[in-house]
Amino acid sequence: MINLEFTNKDLHKSLEDKVNAGHYEYEKSHGIYDEYKKFYITAKLDDIVIGVLSGYTVFAEIYVDDLWVDKKYRKKGYGTKLLLYLENKYKDSGYNNINLVTSSFQAPKFYENCGYELEFVRKNIYNPKLSKYFYIKYFDNESQHKGIVKDSN
């Protein structure tokens, strides 16, 4: 009989390594390479952090997990600067797109103003403020090579 357990703590390193190895083997069998890497971009004024963008790369995509700007500094272009920094950092490096999810009460119009395309909305019928907006921005003329297993021949 199977025993299922829930935890809200990190997995033990040996178990995490086992899971990662299993994913790697499966992906490689399909010609896919997963180069998962977390990253953070900070915005500082006089050594004070006023904004942070966090995300990760995986396969041929860049995911924005979170974008935060201190309340005092909002609507002054710092969020836009963080996104532009991200775009310039990964431009011409083999990725296909940047994508993100935001809630209705957060910043859908902000991302549209930054050139992100709305792919779809997952409506929350009980609390519309929690409806999710899925956005994407493709790199122009990008030679996508991330996420593809290189020929060993």
N, C-alpha and C. Protein backbone atom coordinates (compact mmCIF):
# COMPACT_ATOMS: atom_id res chain seq x y z
N MET A 1 0.84 -1.18 0.00
CA MET A 1 0.00 0.00 0.00
C MET A 1 0.89 1.25 0.00
N ILE A 2 0.52 2.23 -0.83
CA ILE A 2 1.32 3.45 -0.95
C ILE A 2 1.05 4.37 0.25
N ASN A 3 2.11 5.02 0.71
CA ASN A 3 2.00 5.98 1.81
C ASN A 3 2.28 7.37 1.25
N LEU A 4 1.31 8.26 1.28
CA LEU A 4 1.46 9.62 0.77
C LEU A 4 1.68 10.57 1.94
N GLU A 5 2.64 11.47 1.77
CA GLU A 5 2.94 12.45 2.82
C GLU A 5 3.01 13.85 2.22
N PHE A 6 2.55 14.82 2.96
CA PHE A 6 2.64 16.23 2.58
C PHE A 6 3.69 16.91 3.44
N THR A 7 4.47 17.80 2.82
CA THR A 7 5.40 18.63 3.58
C THR A 7 5.45 20.01 2.95
N ASN A 8 5.69 21.00 3.77
CA ASN A 8 5.88 22.35 3.24
C ASN A 8 7.32 22.80 3.45
N LYS A 9 8.19 21.82 3.64
CA LYS A 9 9.62 22.07 3.78
C LYS A 9 10.34 21.59 2.53
N ASP A 10 11.57 22.05 2.34
CA ASP A 10 12.36 21.59 1.20
C ASP A 10 12.62 20.09 1.30
N LEU A 11 12.71 19.45 0.14
CA LEU A 11 13.06 18.03 0.11
C LEU A 11 14.50 17.84 0.55
N HIS A 12 14.79 16.67 1.09
CA HIS A 12 16.17 16.31 1.42
C HIS A 12 16.95 16.32 0.11
N LYS A 13 18.19 16.76 0.15
CA LYS A 13 19.00 16.90 -1.07
C LYS A 13 19.06 15.60 -1.87
N SER A 14 19.19 14.46 -1.22
CA SER A 14 19.28 13.19 -1.96
C SER A 14 17.99 12.91 -2.73
N LEU A 15 16.84 13.26 -2.16
CA LEU A 15 15.57 13.05 -2.86
C LEU A 15 15.42 14.07 -3.99
N GLU A 16 15.81 15.30 -3.75
CA GLU A 16 15.76 16.31 -4.80
C GLU A 16 16.66 15.91 -5.97
N ASP A 17 17.85 15.38 -5.67
CA ASP A 17 18.76 14.91 -6.72
C ASP A 17 18.15 13.76 -7.52
N LYS A 18 17.45 12.85 -6.83
CA LYS A 18 16.80 11.72 -7.50
C LYS A 18 15.71 12.22 -8.46
N VAL A 19 14.90 13.17 -8.00
CA VAL A 19 13.84 13.73 -8.84
C VAL A 19 14.45 14.43 -10.05
N ASN A 20 15.47 15.25 -9.82
CA ASN A 20 16.12 15.97 -10.92
C ASN A 20 16.73 15.02 -11.94
N ALA A 21 17.36 13.95 -11.46
CA ALA A 21 17.95 12.96 -12.37
C ALA A 21 16.87 12.28 -13.20
N GLY A 22 15.74 11.99 -12.58
CA GLY A 22 14.62 11.38 -13.31
C GLY A 22 14.08 12.30 -14.39
N HIS A 23 13.93 13.58 -14.05
CA HIS A 23 13.48 14.56 -15.05
C HIS A 23 14.48 14.67 -16.18
N TYR A 24 15.76 14.76 -15.84
CA TYR A 24 16.81 14.91 -16.85
C TYR A 24 16.79 13.74 -17.83
N GLU A 25 16.69 12.52 -17.29
CA GLU A 25 16.67 11.33 -18.14
C GLU A 25 15.46 11.35 -19.08
N TYR A 26 14.30 11.69 -18.56
CA TYR A 26 13.08 11.72 -19.38
C TYR A 26 13.17 12.80 -20.45
N GLU A 27 13.59 14.00 -20.05
CA GLU A 27 13.70 15.11 -21.00
C GLU A 27 14.71 14.80 -22.10
N LYS A 28 15.85 14.25 -21.72
CA LYS A 28 16.89 13.92 -22.70
C LYS A 28 16.37 12.89 -23.71
N SER A 29 15.53 11.95 -23.25
CA SER A 29 14.98 10.95 -24.17
C SER A 29 14.07 11.59 -25.23
N HIS A 30 13.65 12.83 -24.97
CA HIS A 30 12.81 13.57 -25.93
C HIS A 30 13.58 14.69 -26.62
N GLY A 31 14.90 14.71 -26.45
CA GLY A 31 15.72 15.73 -27.10
C GLY A 31 15.64 17.10 -26.44
N ILE A 32 15.25 17.12 -25.18
CA ILE A 32 15.06 18.37 -24.44
C ILE A 32 16.08 18.44 -23.30
N TYR A 33 16.59 19.65 -23.09
CA TYR A 33 17.54 19.89 -22.00
C TYR A 33 16.97 20.97 -21.09
N ASP A 34 16.94 20.70 -19.81
CA ASP A 34 16.39 21.62 -18.82
C ASP A 34 17.53 22.28 -18.07
N GLU A 35 17.69 23.57 -18.28
CA GLU A 35 18.74 24.32 -17.58
C GLU A 35 18.07 25.26 -16.58
N TYR A 36 17.48 24.67 -15.53
CA TYR A 36 16.73 25.44 -14.53
C TYR A 36 17.70 26.26 -13.67
N LYS A 37 17.48 27.57 -13.68
CA LYS A 37 18.32 28.46 -12.86
C LYS A 37 17.47 29.60 -12.33
N LYS A 38 17.51 29.78 -11.02
CA LYS A 38 16.84 30.93 -10.40
C LYS A 38 17.70 32.18 -10.58
N PHE A 39 17.04 33.33 -10.58
CA PHE A 39 17.78 34.59 -10.62
C PHE A 39 16.99 35.69 -9.90
N TYR A 40 17.71 36.74 -9.54
CA TYR A 40 17.12 37.91 -8.89
C TYR A 40 17.76 39.15 -9.49
N ILE A 41 16.96 40.18 -9.70
CA ILE A 41 17.46 41.48 -10.14
C ILE A 41 17.00 42.49 -9.10
N THR A 42 17.93 43.24 -8.55
CA THR A 42 17.56 44.24 -7.54
C THR A 42 17.74 45.64 -8.10
N ALA A 43 16.87 46.53 -7.68
CA ALA A 43 16.97 47.95 -8.02
C ALA A 43 17.30 48.69 -6.73
N LYS A 44 18.38 49.46 -6.75
CA LYS A 44 18.82 50.18 -5.55
C LYS A 44 18.94 51.67 -5.83
N LEU A 45 18.61 52.45 -4.84
CA LEU A 45 18.88 53.89 -4.84
C LEU A 45 19.68 54.17 -3.58
N ASP A 46 20.89 54.66 -3.75
CA ASP A 46 21.76 54.95 -2.60
C ASP A 46 21.87 53.75 -1.67
N ASP A 47 22.12 52.58 -2.23
CA ASP A 47 22.29 51.33 -1.48
C ASP A 47 21.03 50.86 -0.75
N ILE A 48 19.88 51.44 -1.06
CA ILE A 48 18.61 51.00 -0.49
C ILE A 48 17.86 50.24 -1.58
N VAL A 49 17.48 49.00 -1.30
CA VAL A 49 16.73 48.20 -2.27
C VAL A 49 15.31 48.75 -2.36
N ILE A 50 14.94 49.17 -3.57
CA ILE A 50 13.59 49.70 -3.78
C ILE A 50 12.75 48.80 -4.68
N GLY A 51 13.37 47.76 -5.25
CA GLY A 51 12.63 46.84 -6.10
C GLY A 51 13.39 45.56 -6.33
N VAL A 52 12.64 44.48 -6.55
CA VAL A 52 13.24 43.17 -6.83
C VAL A 52 12.38 42.45 -7.86
N LEU A 53 13.04 41.87 -8.83
CA LEU A 53 12.41 40.97 -9.79
C LEU A 53 13.04 39.60 -9.58
N SER A 54 12.23 38.59 -9.35
CA SER A 54 12.75 37.23 -9.20
C SER A 54 12.15 36.35 -10.28
N GLY A 55 12.90 35.34 -10.67
CA GLY A 55 12.41 34.43 -11.69
C GLY A 55 13.34 33.26 -11.87
N TYR A 56 13.14 32.55 -12.97
CA TYR A 56 13.99 31.41 -13.29
C TYR A 56 13.93 31.12 -14.78
N THR A 57 14.97 30.46 -15.26
CA THR A 57 15.00 29.98 -16.63
C THR A 57 14.79 28.47 -16.61
N VAL A 58 14.08 27.99 -17.61
CA VAL A 58 13.89 26.55 -17.76
C VAL A 58 13.52 26.29 -19.22
N PHE A 59 14.07 25.22 -19.77
CA PHE A 59 13.90 24.90 -21.18
C PHE A 59 14.29 26.13 -22.00
N ALA A 60 13.38 26.66 -22.81
CA ALA A 60 13.70 27.82 -23.66
C ALA A 60 12.97 29.08 -23.19
N GLU A 61 12.54 29.07 -21.92
CA GLU A 61 11.72 30.18 -21.43
C GLU A 61 12.30 30.81 -20.17
N ILE A 62 11.89 32.05 -19.98
CA ILE A 62 12.24 32.79 -18.77
C ILE A 62 10.92 33.10 -18.07
N TYR A 63 10.84 32.71 -16.81
CA TYR A 63 9.63 32.93 -16.02
C TYR A 63 9.89 34.01 -14.98
N VAL A 64 9.00 34.99 -14.93
CA VAL A 64 9.05 35.99 -13.87
C VAL A 64 8.15 35.49 -12.75
N ASP A 65 8.75 35.22 -11.59
CA ASP A 65 7.99 34.78 -10.42
C ASP A 65 7.34 35.96 -9.71
N ASP A 66 8.11 37.03 -9.54
CA ASP A 66 7.63 38.14 -8.72
C ASP A 66 8.31 39.43 -9.15
N LEU A 67 7.57 40.50 -9.10
CA LEU A 67 8.11 41.84 -9.35
C LEU A 67 7.54 42.73 -8.26
N TRP A 68 8.43 43.30 -7.46
CA TRP A 68 8.02 44.16 -6.34
C TRP A 68 8.79 45.46 -6.40
N VAL A 69 8.07 46.56 -6.21
CA VAL A 69 8.68 47.88 -6.06
C VAL A 69 8.11 48.49 -4.79
N ASP A 70 8.99 49.02 -3.95
CA ASP A 70 8.57 49.67 -2.71
C ASP A 70 7.50 50.72 -3.00
N LYS A 71 6.50 50.77 -2.15
CA LYS A 71 5.34 51.65 -2.34
C LYS A 71 5.73 53.10 -2.65
N LYS A 72 6.77 53.62 -1.99
CA LYS A 72 7.20 55.01 -2.19
C LYS A 72 7.73 55.27 -3.60
N TYR A 73 8.15 54.21 -4.29
CA TYR A 73 8.82 54.37 -5.58
C TYR A 73 7.99 53.88 -6.76
N ARG A 74 6.75 53.51 -6.51
CA ARG A 74 5.89 53.03 -7.60
C ARG A 74 5.48 54.18 -8.51
N LYS A 75 5.15 53.83 -9.74
CA LYS A 75 4.71 54.79 -10.76
C LYS A 75 5.81 55.78 -11.13
N LYS A 76 7.07 55.37 -10.96
CA LYS A 76 8.21 56.22 -11.32
C LYS A 76 9.11 55.55 -12.34
N GLY A 77 8.67 54.41 -12.89
CA GLY A 77 9.42 53.75 -13.94
C GLY A 77 10.38 52.66 -13.48
N TYR A 78 10.46 52.40 -12.18
CA TYR A 78 11.42 51.41 -11.70
C TYR A 78 11.01 49.98 -12.06
N GLY A 79 9.72 49.68 -12.03
CA GLY A 79 9.26 48.35 -12.45
C GLY A 79 9.58 48.10 -13.92
N THR A 80 9.37 49.13 -14.73
CA THR A 80 9.70 49.03 -16.16
C THR A 80 11.19 48.82 -16.35
N LYS A 81 12.00 49.53 -15.58
CA LYS A 81 13.46 49.37 -15.67
C LYS A 81 13.88 47.94 -15.31
N LEU A 82 13.26 47.36 -14.30
CA LEU A 82 13.57 45.97 -13.93
C LEU A 82 13.24 45.02 -15.09
N LEU A 83 12.08 45.18 -15.70
CA LEU A 83 11.71 44.32 -16.83
C LEU A 83 12.63 44.51 -18.02
N LEU A 84 12.97 45.76 -18.33
CA LEU A 84 13.89 46.02 -19.45
C LEU A 84 15.27 45.44 -19.19
N TYR A 85 15.72 45.52 -17.95
CA TYR A 85 17.01 44.93 -17.59
C TYR A 85 16.96 43.42 -17.84
N LEU A 86 15.87 42.78 -17.42
CA LEU A 86 15.69 41.34 -17.64
C LEU A 86 15.71 41.02 -19.14
N GLU A 87 14.96 41.77 -19.92
CA GLU A 87 14.91 41.53 -21.36
C GLU A 87 16.28 41.68 -22.00
N ASN A 88 17.00 42.71 -21.64
CA ASN A 88 18.34 42.93 -22.20
C ASN A 88 19.34 41.87 -21.74
N LYS A 89 19.19 41.41 -20.51
CA LYS A 89 20.08 40.39 -19.96
C LYS A 89 19.99 39.09 -20.78
N TYR A 90 18.78 38.72 -21.18
CA TYR A 90 18.58 37.44 -21.85
C TYR A 90 18.39 37.54 -23.36
N LYS A 91 18.37 38.75 -23.89
CA LYS A 91 18.23 38.92 -25.34
C LYS A 91 19.44 38.28 -26.03
N ASP A 92 19.20 37.63 -27.15
CA ASP A 92 20.25 36.99 -27.94
C ASP A 92 21.01 35.90 -27.18
N SER A 93 20.34 35.27 -26.21
CA SER A 93 21.01 34.19 -25.48
C SER A 93 20.31 32.85 -25.69
N GLY A 94 19.43 32.77 -26.69
CA GLY A 94 18.84 31.48 -27.06
C GLY A 94 17.48 31.18 -26.48
N TYR A 95 16.91 32.11 -25.73
CA TYR A 95 15.59 31.87 -25.15
C TYR A 95 14.50 32.34 -26.11
N ASN A 96 13.33 31.72 -26.01
CA ASN A 96 12.21 32.03 -26.88
C ASN A 96 11.34 33.17 -26.35
N ASN A 97 11.12 33.20 -25.03
CA ASN A 97 10.19 34.18 -24.50
C ASN A 97 10.39 34.41 -23.00
N ILE A 98 9.73 35.46 -22.53
CA ILE A 98 9.59 35.74 -21.10
C ILE A 98 8.10 35.64 -20.81
N ASN A 99 7.73 34.93 -19.75
CA ASN A 99 6.32 34.88 -19.41
C ASN A 99 6.11 35.04 -17.91
N LEU A 100 4.88 35.41 -17.57
CA LEU A 100 4.56 35.71 -16.17
C LEU A 100 3.06 35.61 -15.96
N VAL A 101 2.68 35.58 -14.69
CA VAL A 101 1.28 35.55 -14.29
C VAL A 101 1.08 36.64 -13.25
N THR A 102 -0.02 37.37 -13.38
CA THR A 102 -0.36 38.38 -12.38
C THR A 102 -1.85 38.27 -12.09
N SER A 103 -2.26 38.74 -10.94
CA SER A 103 -3.67 38.71 -10.57
C SER A 103 -4.36 40.00 -11.01
N SER A 104 -5.67 39.94 -11.10
CA SER A 104 -6.46 41.08 -11.54
C SER A 104 -6.20 42.33 -10.70
N PHE A 105 -6.04 42.16 -9.39
CA PHE A 105 -5.84 43.31 -8.51
C PHE A 105 -4.41 43.85 -8.56
N GLN A 106 -3.52 43.14 -9.22
CA GLN A 106 -2.12 43.54 -9.25
C GLN A 106 -1.84 44.47 -10.44
N ALA A 107 -1.26 43.97 -11.51
CA ALA A 107 -0.74 44.90 -12.52
C ALA A 107 -0.94 44.47 -13.97
N PRO A 108 -2.12 43.98 -14.36
CA PRO A 108 -2.27 43.58 -15.77
C PRO A 108 -1.95 44.69 -16.76
N LYS A 109 -2.45 45.88 -16.54
CA LYS A 109 -2.21 46.99 -17.48
C LYS A 109 -0.74 47.37 -17.53
N PHE A 110 -0.04 47.28 -16.42
CA PHE A 110 1.39 47.58 -16.38
C PHE A 110 2.14 46.68 -17.37
N TYR A 111 1.86 45.38 -17.33
CA TYR A 111 2.57 44.44 -18.21
C TYR A 111 2.20 44.68 -19.67
N GLU A 112 0.94 45.01 -19.93
CA GLU A 112 0.54 45.32 -21.31
C GLU A 112 1.27 46.57 -21.80
N ASN A 113 1.40 47.57 -20.93
CA ASN A 113 2.13 48.79 -21.30
C ASN A 113 3.61 48.52 -21.55
N CYS A 114 4.12 47.43 -20.98
CA CYS A 114 5.53 47.04 -21.18
C CYS A 114 5.69 46.10 -22.38
N GLY A 115 4.62 45.89 -23.14
CA GLY A 115 4.72 45.10 -24.36
C GLY A 115 4.43 43.62 -24.21
N TYR A 116 3.93 43.19 -23.06
CA TYR A 116 3.59 41.79 -22.86
C TYR A 116 2.19 41.53 -23.41
N GLU A 117 2.04 40.39 -24.10
CA GLU A 117 0.76 40.02 -24.70
C GLU A 117 -0.02 39.14 -23.74
N LEU A 118 -1.31 39.43 -23.60
CA LEU A 118 -2.18 38.60 -22.78
C LEU A 118 -2.48 37.32 -23.54
N GLU A 119 -2.12 36.18 -22.96
CA GLU A 119 -2.41 34.89 -23.60
C GLU A 119 -3.80 34.40 -23.22
N PHE A 120 -4.11 34.45 -21.92
CA PHE A 120 -5.44 34.05 -21.48
C PHE A 120 -5.65 34.50 -20.03
N VAL A 121 -6.92 34.45 -19.62
CA VAL A 121 -7.30 34.80 -18.25
C VAL A 121 -7.97 33.58 -17.64
N ARG A 122 -7.55 33.23 -16.44
CA ARG A 122 -8.22 32.18 -15.68
C ARG A 122 -9.08 32.89 -14.64
N LYS A 123 -10.39 32.93 -14.89
CA LYS A 123 -11.29 33.69 -14.04
C LYS A 123 -11.55 32.98 -12.71
N ASN A 124 -11.57 33.77 -11.66
CA ASN A 124 -11.98 33.29 -10.35
C ASN A 124 -13.42 33.78 -10.16
N ILE A 125 -14.37 32.87 -10.23
CA ILE A 125 -15.78 33.28 -10.19
C ILE A 125 -16.23 33.72 -8.80
N TYR A 126 -15.48 33.36 -7.78
CA TYR A 126 -15.85 33.73 -6.42
C TYR A 126 -15.23 35.05 -5.98
N ASN A 127 -14.04 35.32 -6.47
CA ASN A 127 -13.36 36.58 -6.14
C ASN A 127 -12.62 37.06 -7.39
N PRO A 128 -13.27 37.87 -8.22
CA PRO A 128 -12.65 38.32 -9.47
C PRO A 128 -11.30 39.01 -9.30
N LYS A 129 -11.03 39.58 -8.14
CA LYS A 129 -9.72 40.21 -7.91
C LYS A 129 -8.59 39.19 -7.99
N LEU A 130 -8.93 37.91 -7.81
CA LEU A 130 -7.93 36.85 -7.86
C LEU A 130 -7.88 36.13 -9.21
N SER A 131 -8.58 36.66 -10.20
CA SER A 131 -8.45 36.10 -11.55
C SER A 131 -7.01 36.26 -12.01
N LYS A 132 -6.50 35.24 -12.70
CA LYS A 132 -5.10 35.22 -13.13
C LYS A 132 -4.97 35.61 -14.59
N TYR A 133 -4.01 36.50 -14.87
CA TYR A 133 -3.72 36.96 -16.22
C TYR A 133 -2.35 36.41 -16.62
N PHE A 134 -2.31 35.66 -17.72
CA PHE A 134 -1.09 35.03 -18.19
C PHE A 134 -0.54 35.84 -19.37
N TYR A 135 0.70 36.30 -19.21
CA TYR A 135 1.33 37.16 -20.21
C TYR A 135 2.59 36.53 -20.79
N ILE A 136 2.91 36.96 -22.02
CA ILE A 136 4.12 36.47 -22.69
C ILE A 136 4.71 37.60 -23.54
N LYS A 137 6.02 37.58 -23.67
CA LYS A 137 6.72 38.49 -24.58
C LYS A 137 7.78 37.68 -25.28
N TYR A 138 7.67 37.60 -26.61
CA TYR A 138 8.63 36.83 -27.40
C TYR A 138 9.83 37.69 -27.75
N PHE A 139 10.98 37.06 -27.81
CA PHE A 139 12.16 37.75 -28.30
C PHE A 139 12.08 37.82 -29.82
N ASP A 140 12.40 38.96 -30.39
CA ASP A 140 12.39 39.14 -31.85
C ASP A 140 13.64 38.52 -32.47
N ASN A 141 13.46 37.87 -33.62
CA ASN A 141 14.59 37.33 -34.40
C ASN A 141 15.55 36.51 -33.54
N GLU A 142 15.01 35.79 -32.61
CA GLU A 142 15.85 35.02 -31.68
C GLU A 142 16.17 33.65 -32.27
N SER A 143 17.42 33.28 -32.23
CA SER A 143 17.84 31.94 -32.60
C SER A 143 17.73 31.08 -31.36
N GLN A 144 16.62 30.35 -31.25
CA GLN A 144 16.38 29.56 -30.04
C GLN A 144 17.23 28.31 -30.04
N HIS A 145 18.09 28.19 -29.04
CA HIS A 145 18.86 26.97 -28.89
C HIS A 145 18.80 26.44 -27.47
N LYS A 146 18.23 27.21 -26.55
CA LYS A 146 18.09 26.72 -25.18
C LYS A 146 17.02 25.63 -25.16
N GLY A 147 17.22 24.67 -24.30
CA GLY A 147 16.26 23.60 -24.14
C GLY A 147 16.41 22.45 -25.12
N ILE A 148 17.38 22.54 -26.03
CA ILE A 148 17.58 21.51 -27.04
C ILE A 148 18.88 20.77 -26.74
N VAL A 149 18.81 19.45 -26.71
CA VAL A 149 20.01 18.66 -26.46
C VAL A 149 20.94 18.81 -27.65
N LYS A 150 22.18 19.13 -27.37
CA LYS A 150 23.17 19.28 -28.44
C LYS A 150 23.60 17.90 -28.93
N ASP A 151 23.75 17.78 -30.24
CA ASP A 151 24.22 16.53 -30.83
C ASP A 151 25.62 16.21 -30.33
N SER A 152 25.83 14.98 -29.92
CA SER A 152 27.16 14.60 -29.42
C SER A 152 28.03 14.04 -30.54
N ASN A 153 27.54 14.04 -31.77
CA ASN A 153 28.33 13.50 -32.90
C ASN A 153 29.32 14.50 -33.42
